[in-house]
Amino acid sequence: MMKGIPKRKTREEILELSAPLFAQHGYDGVSMRDVAAVVGLTQAALYYYFSDKDQLYLDAVAYQFRERELALKDLLAGNGAPWERLERFVAGLARMMAADKDFPRLMQWVLLDTDETRQSTLAKHVFRDMFVAVHDLASKLDPHQDAHMLAMSILGLVIFHFQTGATRKFMPGHRPHQDKPEVLARHVCELLRRSLAAADGDAG
């Protein structure tokens, strides 16, 4: 244990410093020894705070996500028509993804993780509330659509843009202004408006 540093501060420091390791290398690419070295603790001291690597990984992902969750949920729950709330949310999520390169990488590793126990834990205890808020908004945008699929599409349109950034810049038609959060937000919202309007027209 690091003398003179309160337990809470030390634990948060571990989570803060370990998240970039998981963002760069994924769950399998990081050992408790790696984290201990970065944080400046012995492995024994690290195990004082976290029972195993699974707990450290899950807590690090939760720590990074929950820092951002409150701001995003405020955007979804604010006043205004559903489309206004969507525009605020998409713009906020895009700015968030653009501001911290490690966060999109961490989310990508999370989505690629094949361990169902870890996925289930994160889905139930970390991501659920945020998804429910997007799901509720999706049901208000168009009650005729599958709210689950629409919510996943909203999130995917924004997140995938940043997760493919390293490759996308070499693809035909790429222009630097497309990387601006406000440009992406306008594109996503307009795309959704047109798609849902067309779907409703076909249904009618």
C-alpha atoms as a PDB file:
ATOM      1  CA  MET A   1       0.000   0.000   0.000  1.00  0.00           C
ATOM      2  CA  MET A   2       1.294   3.473  -0.820  1.00  0.00           C
ATOM      3  CA  LYS A   3       1.902   5.258   2.470  1.00  0.00           C
ATOM      4  CA  GLY A   4       0.329   8.636   3.002  1.00  0.00           C
ATOM      5  CA  ILE A   5      -2.200   8.289   0.172  1.00  0.00           C
ATOM      6  CA  PRO A   6      -5.840   7.592   1.094  1.00  0.00           C
ATOM      7  CA  LYS A   7      -7.316   4.326  -0.145  1.00  0.00           C
ATOM      8  CA  ARG A   8      -9.951   5.990  -2.309  1.00  0.00           C
ATOM      9  CA  LYS A   9      -7.449   8.212  -4.071  1.00  0.00           C
ATOM     10  CA  THR A  10      -5.074   5.318  -4.659  1.00  0.00           C
ATOM     11  CA  ARG A  11      -7.821   3.107  -6.076  1.00  0.00           C
ATOM     12  CA  GLU A  12      -8.999   5.823  -8.470  1.00  0.00           C
ATOM     13  CA  GLU A  13      -5.407   6.414  -9.528  1.00  0.00           C
ATOM     14  CA  ILE A  14      -5.052   2.738 -10.379  1.00  0.00           C
ATOM     15  CA  LEU A  15      -8.234   2.833 -12.460  1.00  0.00           C
ATOM     16  CA  GLU A  16      -7.160   6.037 -14.195  1.00  0.00           C
ATOM     17  CA  LEU A  17      -3.717   4.691 -15.093  1.00  0.00           C
ATOM     18  CA  SER A  18      -4.765   1.162 -16.014  1.00  0.00           C
ATOM     19  CA  ALA A  19      -7.511   2.213 -18.466  1.00  0.00           C
ATOM     20  CA  PRO A  20      -5.006   3.431 -21.127  1.00  0.00           C
ATOM     21  CA  LEU A  21      -3.211   0.081 -20.884  1.00  0.00           C
ATOM     22  CA  PHE A  22      -6.431  -1.801 -21.585  1.00  0.00           C
ATOM     23  CA  ALA A  23      -7.257   0.719 -24.327  1.00  0.00           C
ATOM     24  CA  GLN A  24      -3.935   0.046 -26.058  1.00  0.00           C
ATOM     25  CA  HIS A  25      -3.622  -3.705 -25.536  1.00  0.00           C
ATOM     26  CA  GLY A  26      -7.005  -5.120 -24.543  1.00  0.00           C
ATOM     27  CA  TYR A  27      -7.766  -7.420 -21.645  1.00  0.00           C
ATOM     28  CA  ASP A  28      -5.456 -10.222 -22.792  1.00  0.00           C
ATOM     29  CA  GLY A  29      -2.550  -7.886 -23.482  1.00  0.00           C
ATOM     30  CA  VAL A  30      -2.321  -6.456 -19.963  1.00  0.00           C
ATOM     31  CA  SER A  31      -1.052  -8.211 -16.845  1.00  0.00           C
ATOM     32  CA  MET A  32      -1.335  -7.231 -13.214  1.00  0.00           C
ATOM     33  CA  ARG A  33       2.437  -6.807 -13.317  1.00  0.00           C
ATOM     34  CA  ASP A  34       2.055  -4.256 -16.137  1.00  0.00           C
ATOM     35  CA  VAL A  35      -0.492  -2.276 -14.132  1.00  0.00           C
ATOM     36  CA  ALA A  36       1.586  -2.416 -10.962  1.00  0.00           C
ATOM     37  CA  ALA A  37       4.599  -1.059 -12.858  1.00  0.00           C
ATOM     38  CA  VAL A  38       2.632   1.854 -14.349  1.00  0.00           C
ATOM     39  CA  VAL A  39       0.946   2.754 -11.078  1.00  0.00           C
ATOM     40  CA  GLY A  40       4.092   2.396  -9.008  1.00  0.00           C
ATOM     41  CA  LEU A  41       2.832  -0.327  -6.698  1.00  0.00           C
ATOM     42  CA  THR A  42       3.961  -3.838  -5.930  1.00  0.00           C
ATOM     43  CA  GLN A  43       1.698  -6.604  -7.224  1.00  0.00           C
ATOM     44  CA  ALA A  44       0.835  -7.459  -3.628  1.00  0.00           C
ATOM     45  CA  ALA A  45      -0.349  -3.895  -3.047  1.00  0.00           C
ATOM     46  CA  LEU A  46      -2.370  -4.014  -6.261  1.00  0.00           C
ATOM     47  CA  TYR A  47      -4.149  -7.158  -5.078  1.00  0.00           C
ATOM     48  CA  TYR A  48      -5.079  -5.295  -1.907  1.00  0.00           C
ATOM     49  CA  TYR A  49      -7.451  -3.167  -4.005  1.00  0.00           C
ATOM     50  CA  PHE A  50      -8.488  -5.681  -6.687  1.00  0.00           C
ATOM     51  CA  SER A  51      -8.984  -9.407  -6.160  1.00  0.00           C
ATOM     52  CA  ASP A  52      -7.904 -10.294  -9.708  1.00  0.00           C
ATOM     53  CA  LYS A  53      -7.424  -8.878 -13.203  1.00  0.00           C
ATOM     54  CA  ASP A  54     -11.096  -9.347 -14.068  1.00  0.00           C
ATOM     55  CA  GLN A  55     -12.150  -7.041 -11.248  1.00  0.00           C
ATOM     56  CA  LEU A  56      -9.526  -4.460 -12.188  1.00  0.00           C
ATOM     57  CA  TYR A  57     -10.551  -4.541 -15.859  1.00  0.00           C
ATOM     58  CA  LEU A  58     -14.287  -4.312 -15.168  1.00  0.00           C
ATOM     59  CA  ASP A  59     -13.790  -1.504 -12.655  1.00  0.00           C
ATOM     60  CA  ALA A  60     -11.494   0.395 -15.050  1.00  0.00           C
ATOM     61  CA  VAL A  61     -14.055   0.206 -17.869  1.00  0.00           C
ATOM     62  CA  ALA A  62     -16.843   1.236 -15.493  1.00  0.00           C
ATOM     63  CA  TYR A  63     -14.769   4.137 -14.169  1.00  0.00           C
ATOM     64  CA  GLN A  64     -14.074   5.467 -17.653  1.00  0.00           C
ATOM     65  CA  PHE A  65     -17.656   5.010 -18.822  1.00  0.00           C
ATOM     66  CA  ARG A  66     -19.423   6.437 -15.786  1.00  0.00           C
ATOM     67  CA  GLU A  67     -17.339   9.590 -15.941  1.00  0.00           C
ATOM     68  CA  ARG A  68     -19.070  10.290 -19.230  1.00  0.00           C
ATOM     69  CA  GLU A  69     -22.457   8.677 -18.623  1.00  0.00           C
ATOM     70  CA  LEU A  70     -23.958  11.435 -16.477  1.00  0.00           C
ATOM     71  CA  ALA A  71     -23.251  14.122 -19.066  1.00  0.00           C
ATOM     72  CA  LEU A  72     -24.756  12.051 -21.866  1.00  0.00           C
ATOM     73  CA  LYS A  73     -27.852  11.116 -19.858  1.00  0.00           C
ATOM     74  CA  ASP A  74     -28.410  14.793 -19.064  1.00  0.00           C
ATOM     75  CA  LEU A  75     -28.440  15.529 -22.795  1.00  0.00           C
ATOM     76  CA  LEU A  76     -30.994  12.770 -23.380  1.00  0.00           C
ATOM     77  CA  ALA A  77     -33.221  13.755 -20.476  1.00  0.00           C
ATOM     78  CA  GLY A  78     -33.285  17.503 -21.130  1.00  0.00           C
ATOM     79  CA  ASN A  79     -36.185  19.555 -22.395  1.00  0.00           C
ATOM     80  CA  GLY A  80     -37.124  19.644 -26.042  1.00  0.00           C
ATOM     81  CA  ALA A  81     -38.647  17.477 -28.721  1.00  0.00           C
ATOM     82  CA  PRO A  82     -37.153  13.993 -29.273  1.00  0.00           C
ATOM     83  CA  TRP A  83     -35.231  15.113 -32.356  1.00  0.00           C
ATOM     84  CA  GLU A  84     -33.709  18.051 -30.475  1.00  0.00           C
ATOM     85  CA  ARG A  85     -32.621  15.732 -27.693  1.00  0.00           C
ATOM     86  CA  LEU A  86     -31.155  13.319 -30.242  1.00  0.00           C
ATOM     87  CA  GLU A  87     -29.143  16.105 -31.868  1.00  0.00           C
ATOM     88  CA  ARG A  88     -27.772  17.188 -28.489  1.00  0.00           C
ATOM     89  CA  PHE A  89     -26.910  13.614 -27.558  1.00  0.00           C
ATOM     90  CA  VAL A  90     -25.223  12.736 -30.850  1.00  0.00           C
ATOM     91  CA  ALA A  91     -23.201  15.962 -30.806  1.00  0.00           C
ATOM     92  CA  GLY A  92     -22.189  15.365 -27.182  1.00  0.00           C
ATOM     93  CA  LEU A  93     -21.190  11.763 -27.832  1.00  0.00           C
ATOM     94  CA  ALA A  94     -19.198  12.780 -30.913  1.00  0.00           C
ATOM     95  CA  ARG A  95     -17.324  15.464 -28.974  1.00  0.00           C
ATOM     96  CA  MET A  96     -16.628  12.977 -26.198  1.00  0.00           C
ATOM     97  CA  MET A  97     -15.255  10.370 -28.585  1.00  0.00           C
ATOM     98  CA  ALA A  98     -13.102  12.957 -30.349  1.00  0.00           C
ATOM     99  CA  ALA A  99     -11.684  14.433 -27.138  1.00  0.00           C
ATOM    100  CA  ASP A 100     -10.081  11.270 -25.779  1.00  0.00           C
ATOM    101  CA  LYS A 101      -8.484   8.813 -28.211  1.00  0.00           C
ATOM    102  CA  ASP A 102      -8.142   6.146 -25.526  1.00  0.00           C
ATOM    103  CA  PHE A 103     -11.869   5.987 -24.850  1.00  0.00           C
ATOM    104  CA  PRO A 104     -12.911   4.783 -28.358  1.00  0.00           C
ATOM    105  CA  ARG A 105     -10.047   2.270 -28.287  1.00  0.00           C
ATOM    106  CA  LEU A 106     -11.140   0.971 -24.895  1.00  0.00           C
ATOM    107  CA  MET A 107     -14.722   0.599 -26.086  1.00  0.00           C
ATOM    108  CA  GLN A 108     -13.498  -1.259 -29.161  1.00  0.00           C
ATOM    109  CA  TRP A 109     -11.568  -3.753 -27.059  1.00  0.00           C
ATOM    110  CA  VAL A 110     -14.635  -4.169 -24.833  1.00  0.00           C
ATOM    111  CA  LEU A 111     -16.801  -5.009 -27.842  1.00  0.00           C
ATOM    112  CA  LEU A 112     -14.203  -7.494 -29.136  1.00  0.00           C
ATOM    113  CA  ASP A 113     -13.960  -9.320 -25.810  1.00  0.00           C
ATOM    114  CA  THR A 114     -15.255 -12.882 -26.224  1.00  0.00           C
ATOM    115  CA  ASP A 115     -15.670 -13.601 -22.516  1.00  0.00           C
ATOM    116  CA  GLU A 116     -19.439 -13.777 -21.944  1.00  0.00           C
ATOM    117  CA  THR A 117     -19.179 -13.369 -18.183  1.00  0.00           C
ATOM    118  CA  ARG A 118     -17.344 -10.055 -18.518  1.00  0.00           C
ATOM    119  CA  GLN A 119     -19.697  -8.936 -21.286  1.00  0.00           C
ATOM    120  CA  SER A 120     -22.738  -9.809 -19.200  1.00  0.00           C
ATOM    121  CA  THR A 121     -21.372  -7.965 -16.174  1.00  0.00           C
ATOM    122  CA  LEU A 122     -20.661  -4.816 -18.178  1.00  0.00           C
ATOM    123  CA  ALA A 123     -24.006  -4.970 -19.979  1.00  0.00           C
ATOM    124  CA  LYS A 124     -25.987  -5.327 -16.755  1.00  0.00           C
ATOM    125  CA  HIS A 125     -24.050  -3.093 -14.397  1.00  0.00           C
ATOM    126  CA  VAL A 126     -22.290  -0.490 -16.556  1.00  0.00           C
ATOM    127  CA  PHE A 127     -23.928   0.041 -19.958  1.00  0.00           C
ATOM    128  CA  ARG A 128     -27.555  -0.791 -19.203  1.00  0.00           C
ATOM    129  CA  ASP A 129     -28.783   2.573 -17.890  1.00  0.00           C
ATOM    130  CA  MET A 130     -27.212   4.483 -20.759  1.00  0.00           C
ATOM    131  CA  PHE A 131     -28.683   2.118 -23.321  1.00  0.00           C
ATOM    132  CA  VAL A 132     -32.129   2.260 -21.713  1.00  0.00           C
ATOM    133  CA  ALA A 133     -32.049   6.066 -22.015  1.00  0.00           C
ATOM    134  CA  VAL A 134     -31.157   5.855 -25.734  1.00  0.00           C
ATOM    135  CA  HIS A 135     -33.738   3.092 -26.209  1.00  0.00           C
ATOM    136  CA  ASP A 136     -36.459   5.270 -24.649  1.00  0.00           C
ATOM    137  CA  LEU A 137     -35.548   8.161 -26.923  1.00  0.00           C
ATOM    138  CA  ALA A 138     -35.541   5.859 -29.957  1.00  0.00           C
ATOM    139  CA  SER A 139     -39.088   4.735 -29.155  1.00  0.00           C
ATOM    140  CA  LYS A 140     -40.183   8.385 -29.150  1.00  0.00           C
ATOM    141  CA  LEU A 141     -38.409   9.224 -32.416  1.00  0.00           C
ATOM    142  CA  ASP A 142     -40.488   6.635 -34.256  1.00  0.00           C
ATOM    143  CA  PRO A 143     -42.869   4.310 -32.371  1.00  0.00           C
ATOM    144  CA  HIS A 144     -43.160   2.120 -35.487  1.00  0.00           C
ATOM    145  CA  GLN A 145     -39.486   1.133 -35.442  1.00  0.00           C
ATOM    146  CA  ASP A 146     -37.756  -1.550 -33.401  1.00  0.00           C
ATOM    147  CA  ALA A 147     -36.435   0.637 -30.553  1.00  0.00           C
ATOM    148  CA  HIS A 148     -33.602  -1.761 -29.707  1.00  0.00           C
ATOM    149  CA  MET A 149     -32.267  -1.800 -33.252  1.00  0.00           C
ATOM    150  CA  LEU A 150     -32.700   1.952 -33.663  1.00  0.00           C
ATOM    151  CA  ALA A 151     -30.854   2.622 -30.401  1.00  0.00           C
ATOM    152  CA  MET A 152     -27.985   0.363 -31.506  1.00  0.00           C
ATOM    153  CA  SER A 153     -27.902   2.154 -34.876  1.00  0.00           C
ATOM    154  CA  ILE A 154     -27.709   5.590 -33.231  1.00  0.00           C
ATOM    155  CA  LEU A 155     -24.797   4.537 -31.039  1.00  0.00           C
ATOM    156  CA  GLY A 156     -23.090   2.586 -33.800  1.00  0.00           C
ATOM    157  CA  LEU A 157     -23.192   5.413 -36.337  1.00  0.00           C
ATOM    158  CA  VAL A 158     -21.235   7.641 -33.972  1.00  0.00           C
ATOM    159  CA  ILE A 159     -18.904   5.170 -32.290  1.00  0.00           C
ATOM    160  CA  PHE A 160     -17.865   3.291 -35.446  1.00  0.00           C
ATOM    161  CA  HIS A 161     -16.821   6.564 -37.085  1.00  0.00           C
ATOM    162  CA  PHE A 162     -14.146   7.057 -34.433  1.00  0.00           C
ATOM    163  CA  GLN A 163     -13.152   3.427 -34.105  1.00  0.00           C
ATOM    164  CA  THR A 164     -12.290   3.328 -37.804  1.00  0.00           C
ATOM    165  CA  GLY A 165     -10.480   6.676 -37.816  1.00  0.00           C
ATOM    166  CA  ALA A 166      -6.986   5.253 -38.348  1.00  0.00           C
ATOM    167  CA  THR A 167      -8.105   3.407 -41.498  1.00  0.00           C
ATOM    168  CA  ARG A 168     -10.849   5.730 -42.722  1.00  0.00           C
ATOM    169  CA  LYS A 169      -8.469   8.599 -43.470  1.00  0.00           C
ATOM    170  CA  PHE A 170      -6.906   6.476 -46.229  1.00  0.00           C
ATOM    171  CA  MET A 171     -10.230   5.570 -47.834  1.00  0.00           C
ATOM    172  CA  PRO A 172     -11.565   7.273 -50.993  1.00  0.00           C
ATOM    173  CA  GLY A 173     -13.522  10.450 -50.363  1.00  0.00           C
ATOM    174  CA  HIS A 174     -12.082  11.196 -46.935  1.00  0.00           C
ATOM    175  CA  ARG A 175     -11.721  14.892 -46.148  1.00  0.00           C
ATOM    176  CA  PRO A 176     -10.355  16.387 -42.905  1.00  0.00           C
ATOM    177  CA  HIS A 177     -13.543  18.268 -42.037  1.00  0.00           C
ATOM    178  CA  GLN A 178     -15.393  14.937 -41.789  1.00  0.00           C
ATOM    179  CA  ASP A 179     -13.485  14.271 -38.570  1.00  0.00           C
ATOM    180  CA  LYS A 180     -15.107  17.228 -36.800  1.00  0.00           C
ATOM    181  CA  PRO A 181     -17.693  16.135 -34.199  1.00  0.00           C
ATOM    182  CA  GLU A 182     -20.236  18.720 -35.352  1.00  0.00           C
ATOM    183  CA  VAL A 183     -19.978  17.537 -38.967  1.00  0.00           C
ATOM    184  CA  LEU A 184     -20.520  13.933 -37.933  1.00  0.00           C
ATOM    185  CA  ALA A 185     -23.428  14.890 -35.676  1.00  0.00           C
ATOM    186  CA  ARG A 186     -25.207  16.742 -38.488  1.00  0.00           C
ATOM    187  CA  HIS A 187     -24.644  13.830 -40.858  1.00  0.00           C
ATOM    188  CA  VAL A 188     -25.933  11.196 -38.431  1.00  0.00           C
ATOM    189  CA  CYS A 189     -29.055  13.141 -37.490  1.00  0.00           C
ATOM    190  CA  GLU A 190     -29.894  13.985 -41.098  1.00  0.00           C
ATOM    191  CA  LEU A 191     -29.351  10.373 -42.123  1.00  0.00           C
ATOM    192  CA  LEU A 192     -31.670   9.153 -39.379  1.00  0.00           C
ATOM    193  CA  ARG A 193     -34.321  11.766 -40.206  1.00  0.00           C
ATOM    194  CA  ARG A 194     -34.377  10.798 -43.869  1.00  0.00           C
ATOM    195  CA  SER A 195     -34.293   7.065 -43.158  1.00  0.00           C
ATOM    196  CA  LEU A 196     -37.134   7.141 -40.647  1.00  0.00           C
ATOM    197  CA  ALA A 197     -39.226   9.458 -42.821  1.00  0.00           C
ATOM    198  CA  ALA A 198     -38.760   7.123 -45.783  1.00  0.00           C
ATOM    199  CA  ALA A 199     -39.622   4.068 -43.679  1.00  0.00           C
ATOM    200  CA  ASP A 200     -42.791   5.716 -42.395  1.00  0.00           C
ATOM    201  CA  GLY A 201     -43.720   6.718 -45.927  1.00  0.00           C
ATOM    202  CA  ASP A 202     -43.298   3.145 -47.159  1.00  0.00           C
ATOM    203  CA  ALA A 203     -45.331   1.835 -44.239  1.00  0.00           C
ATOM    204  CA  GLY A 204     -48.130   4.266 -45.033  1.00  0.00           C
END
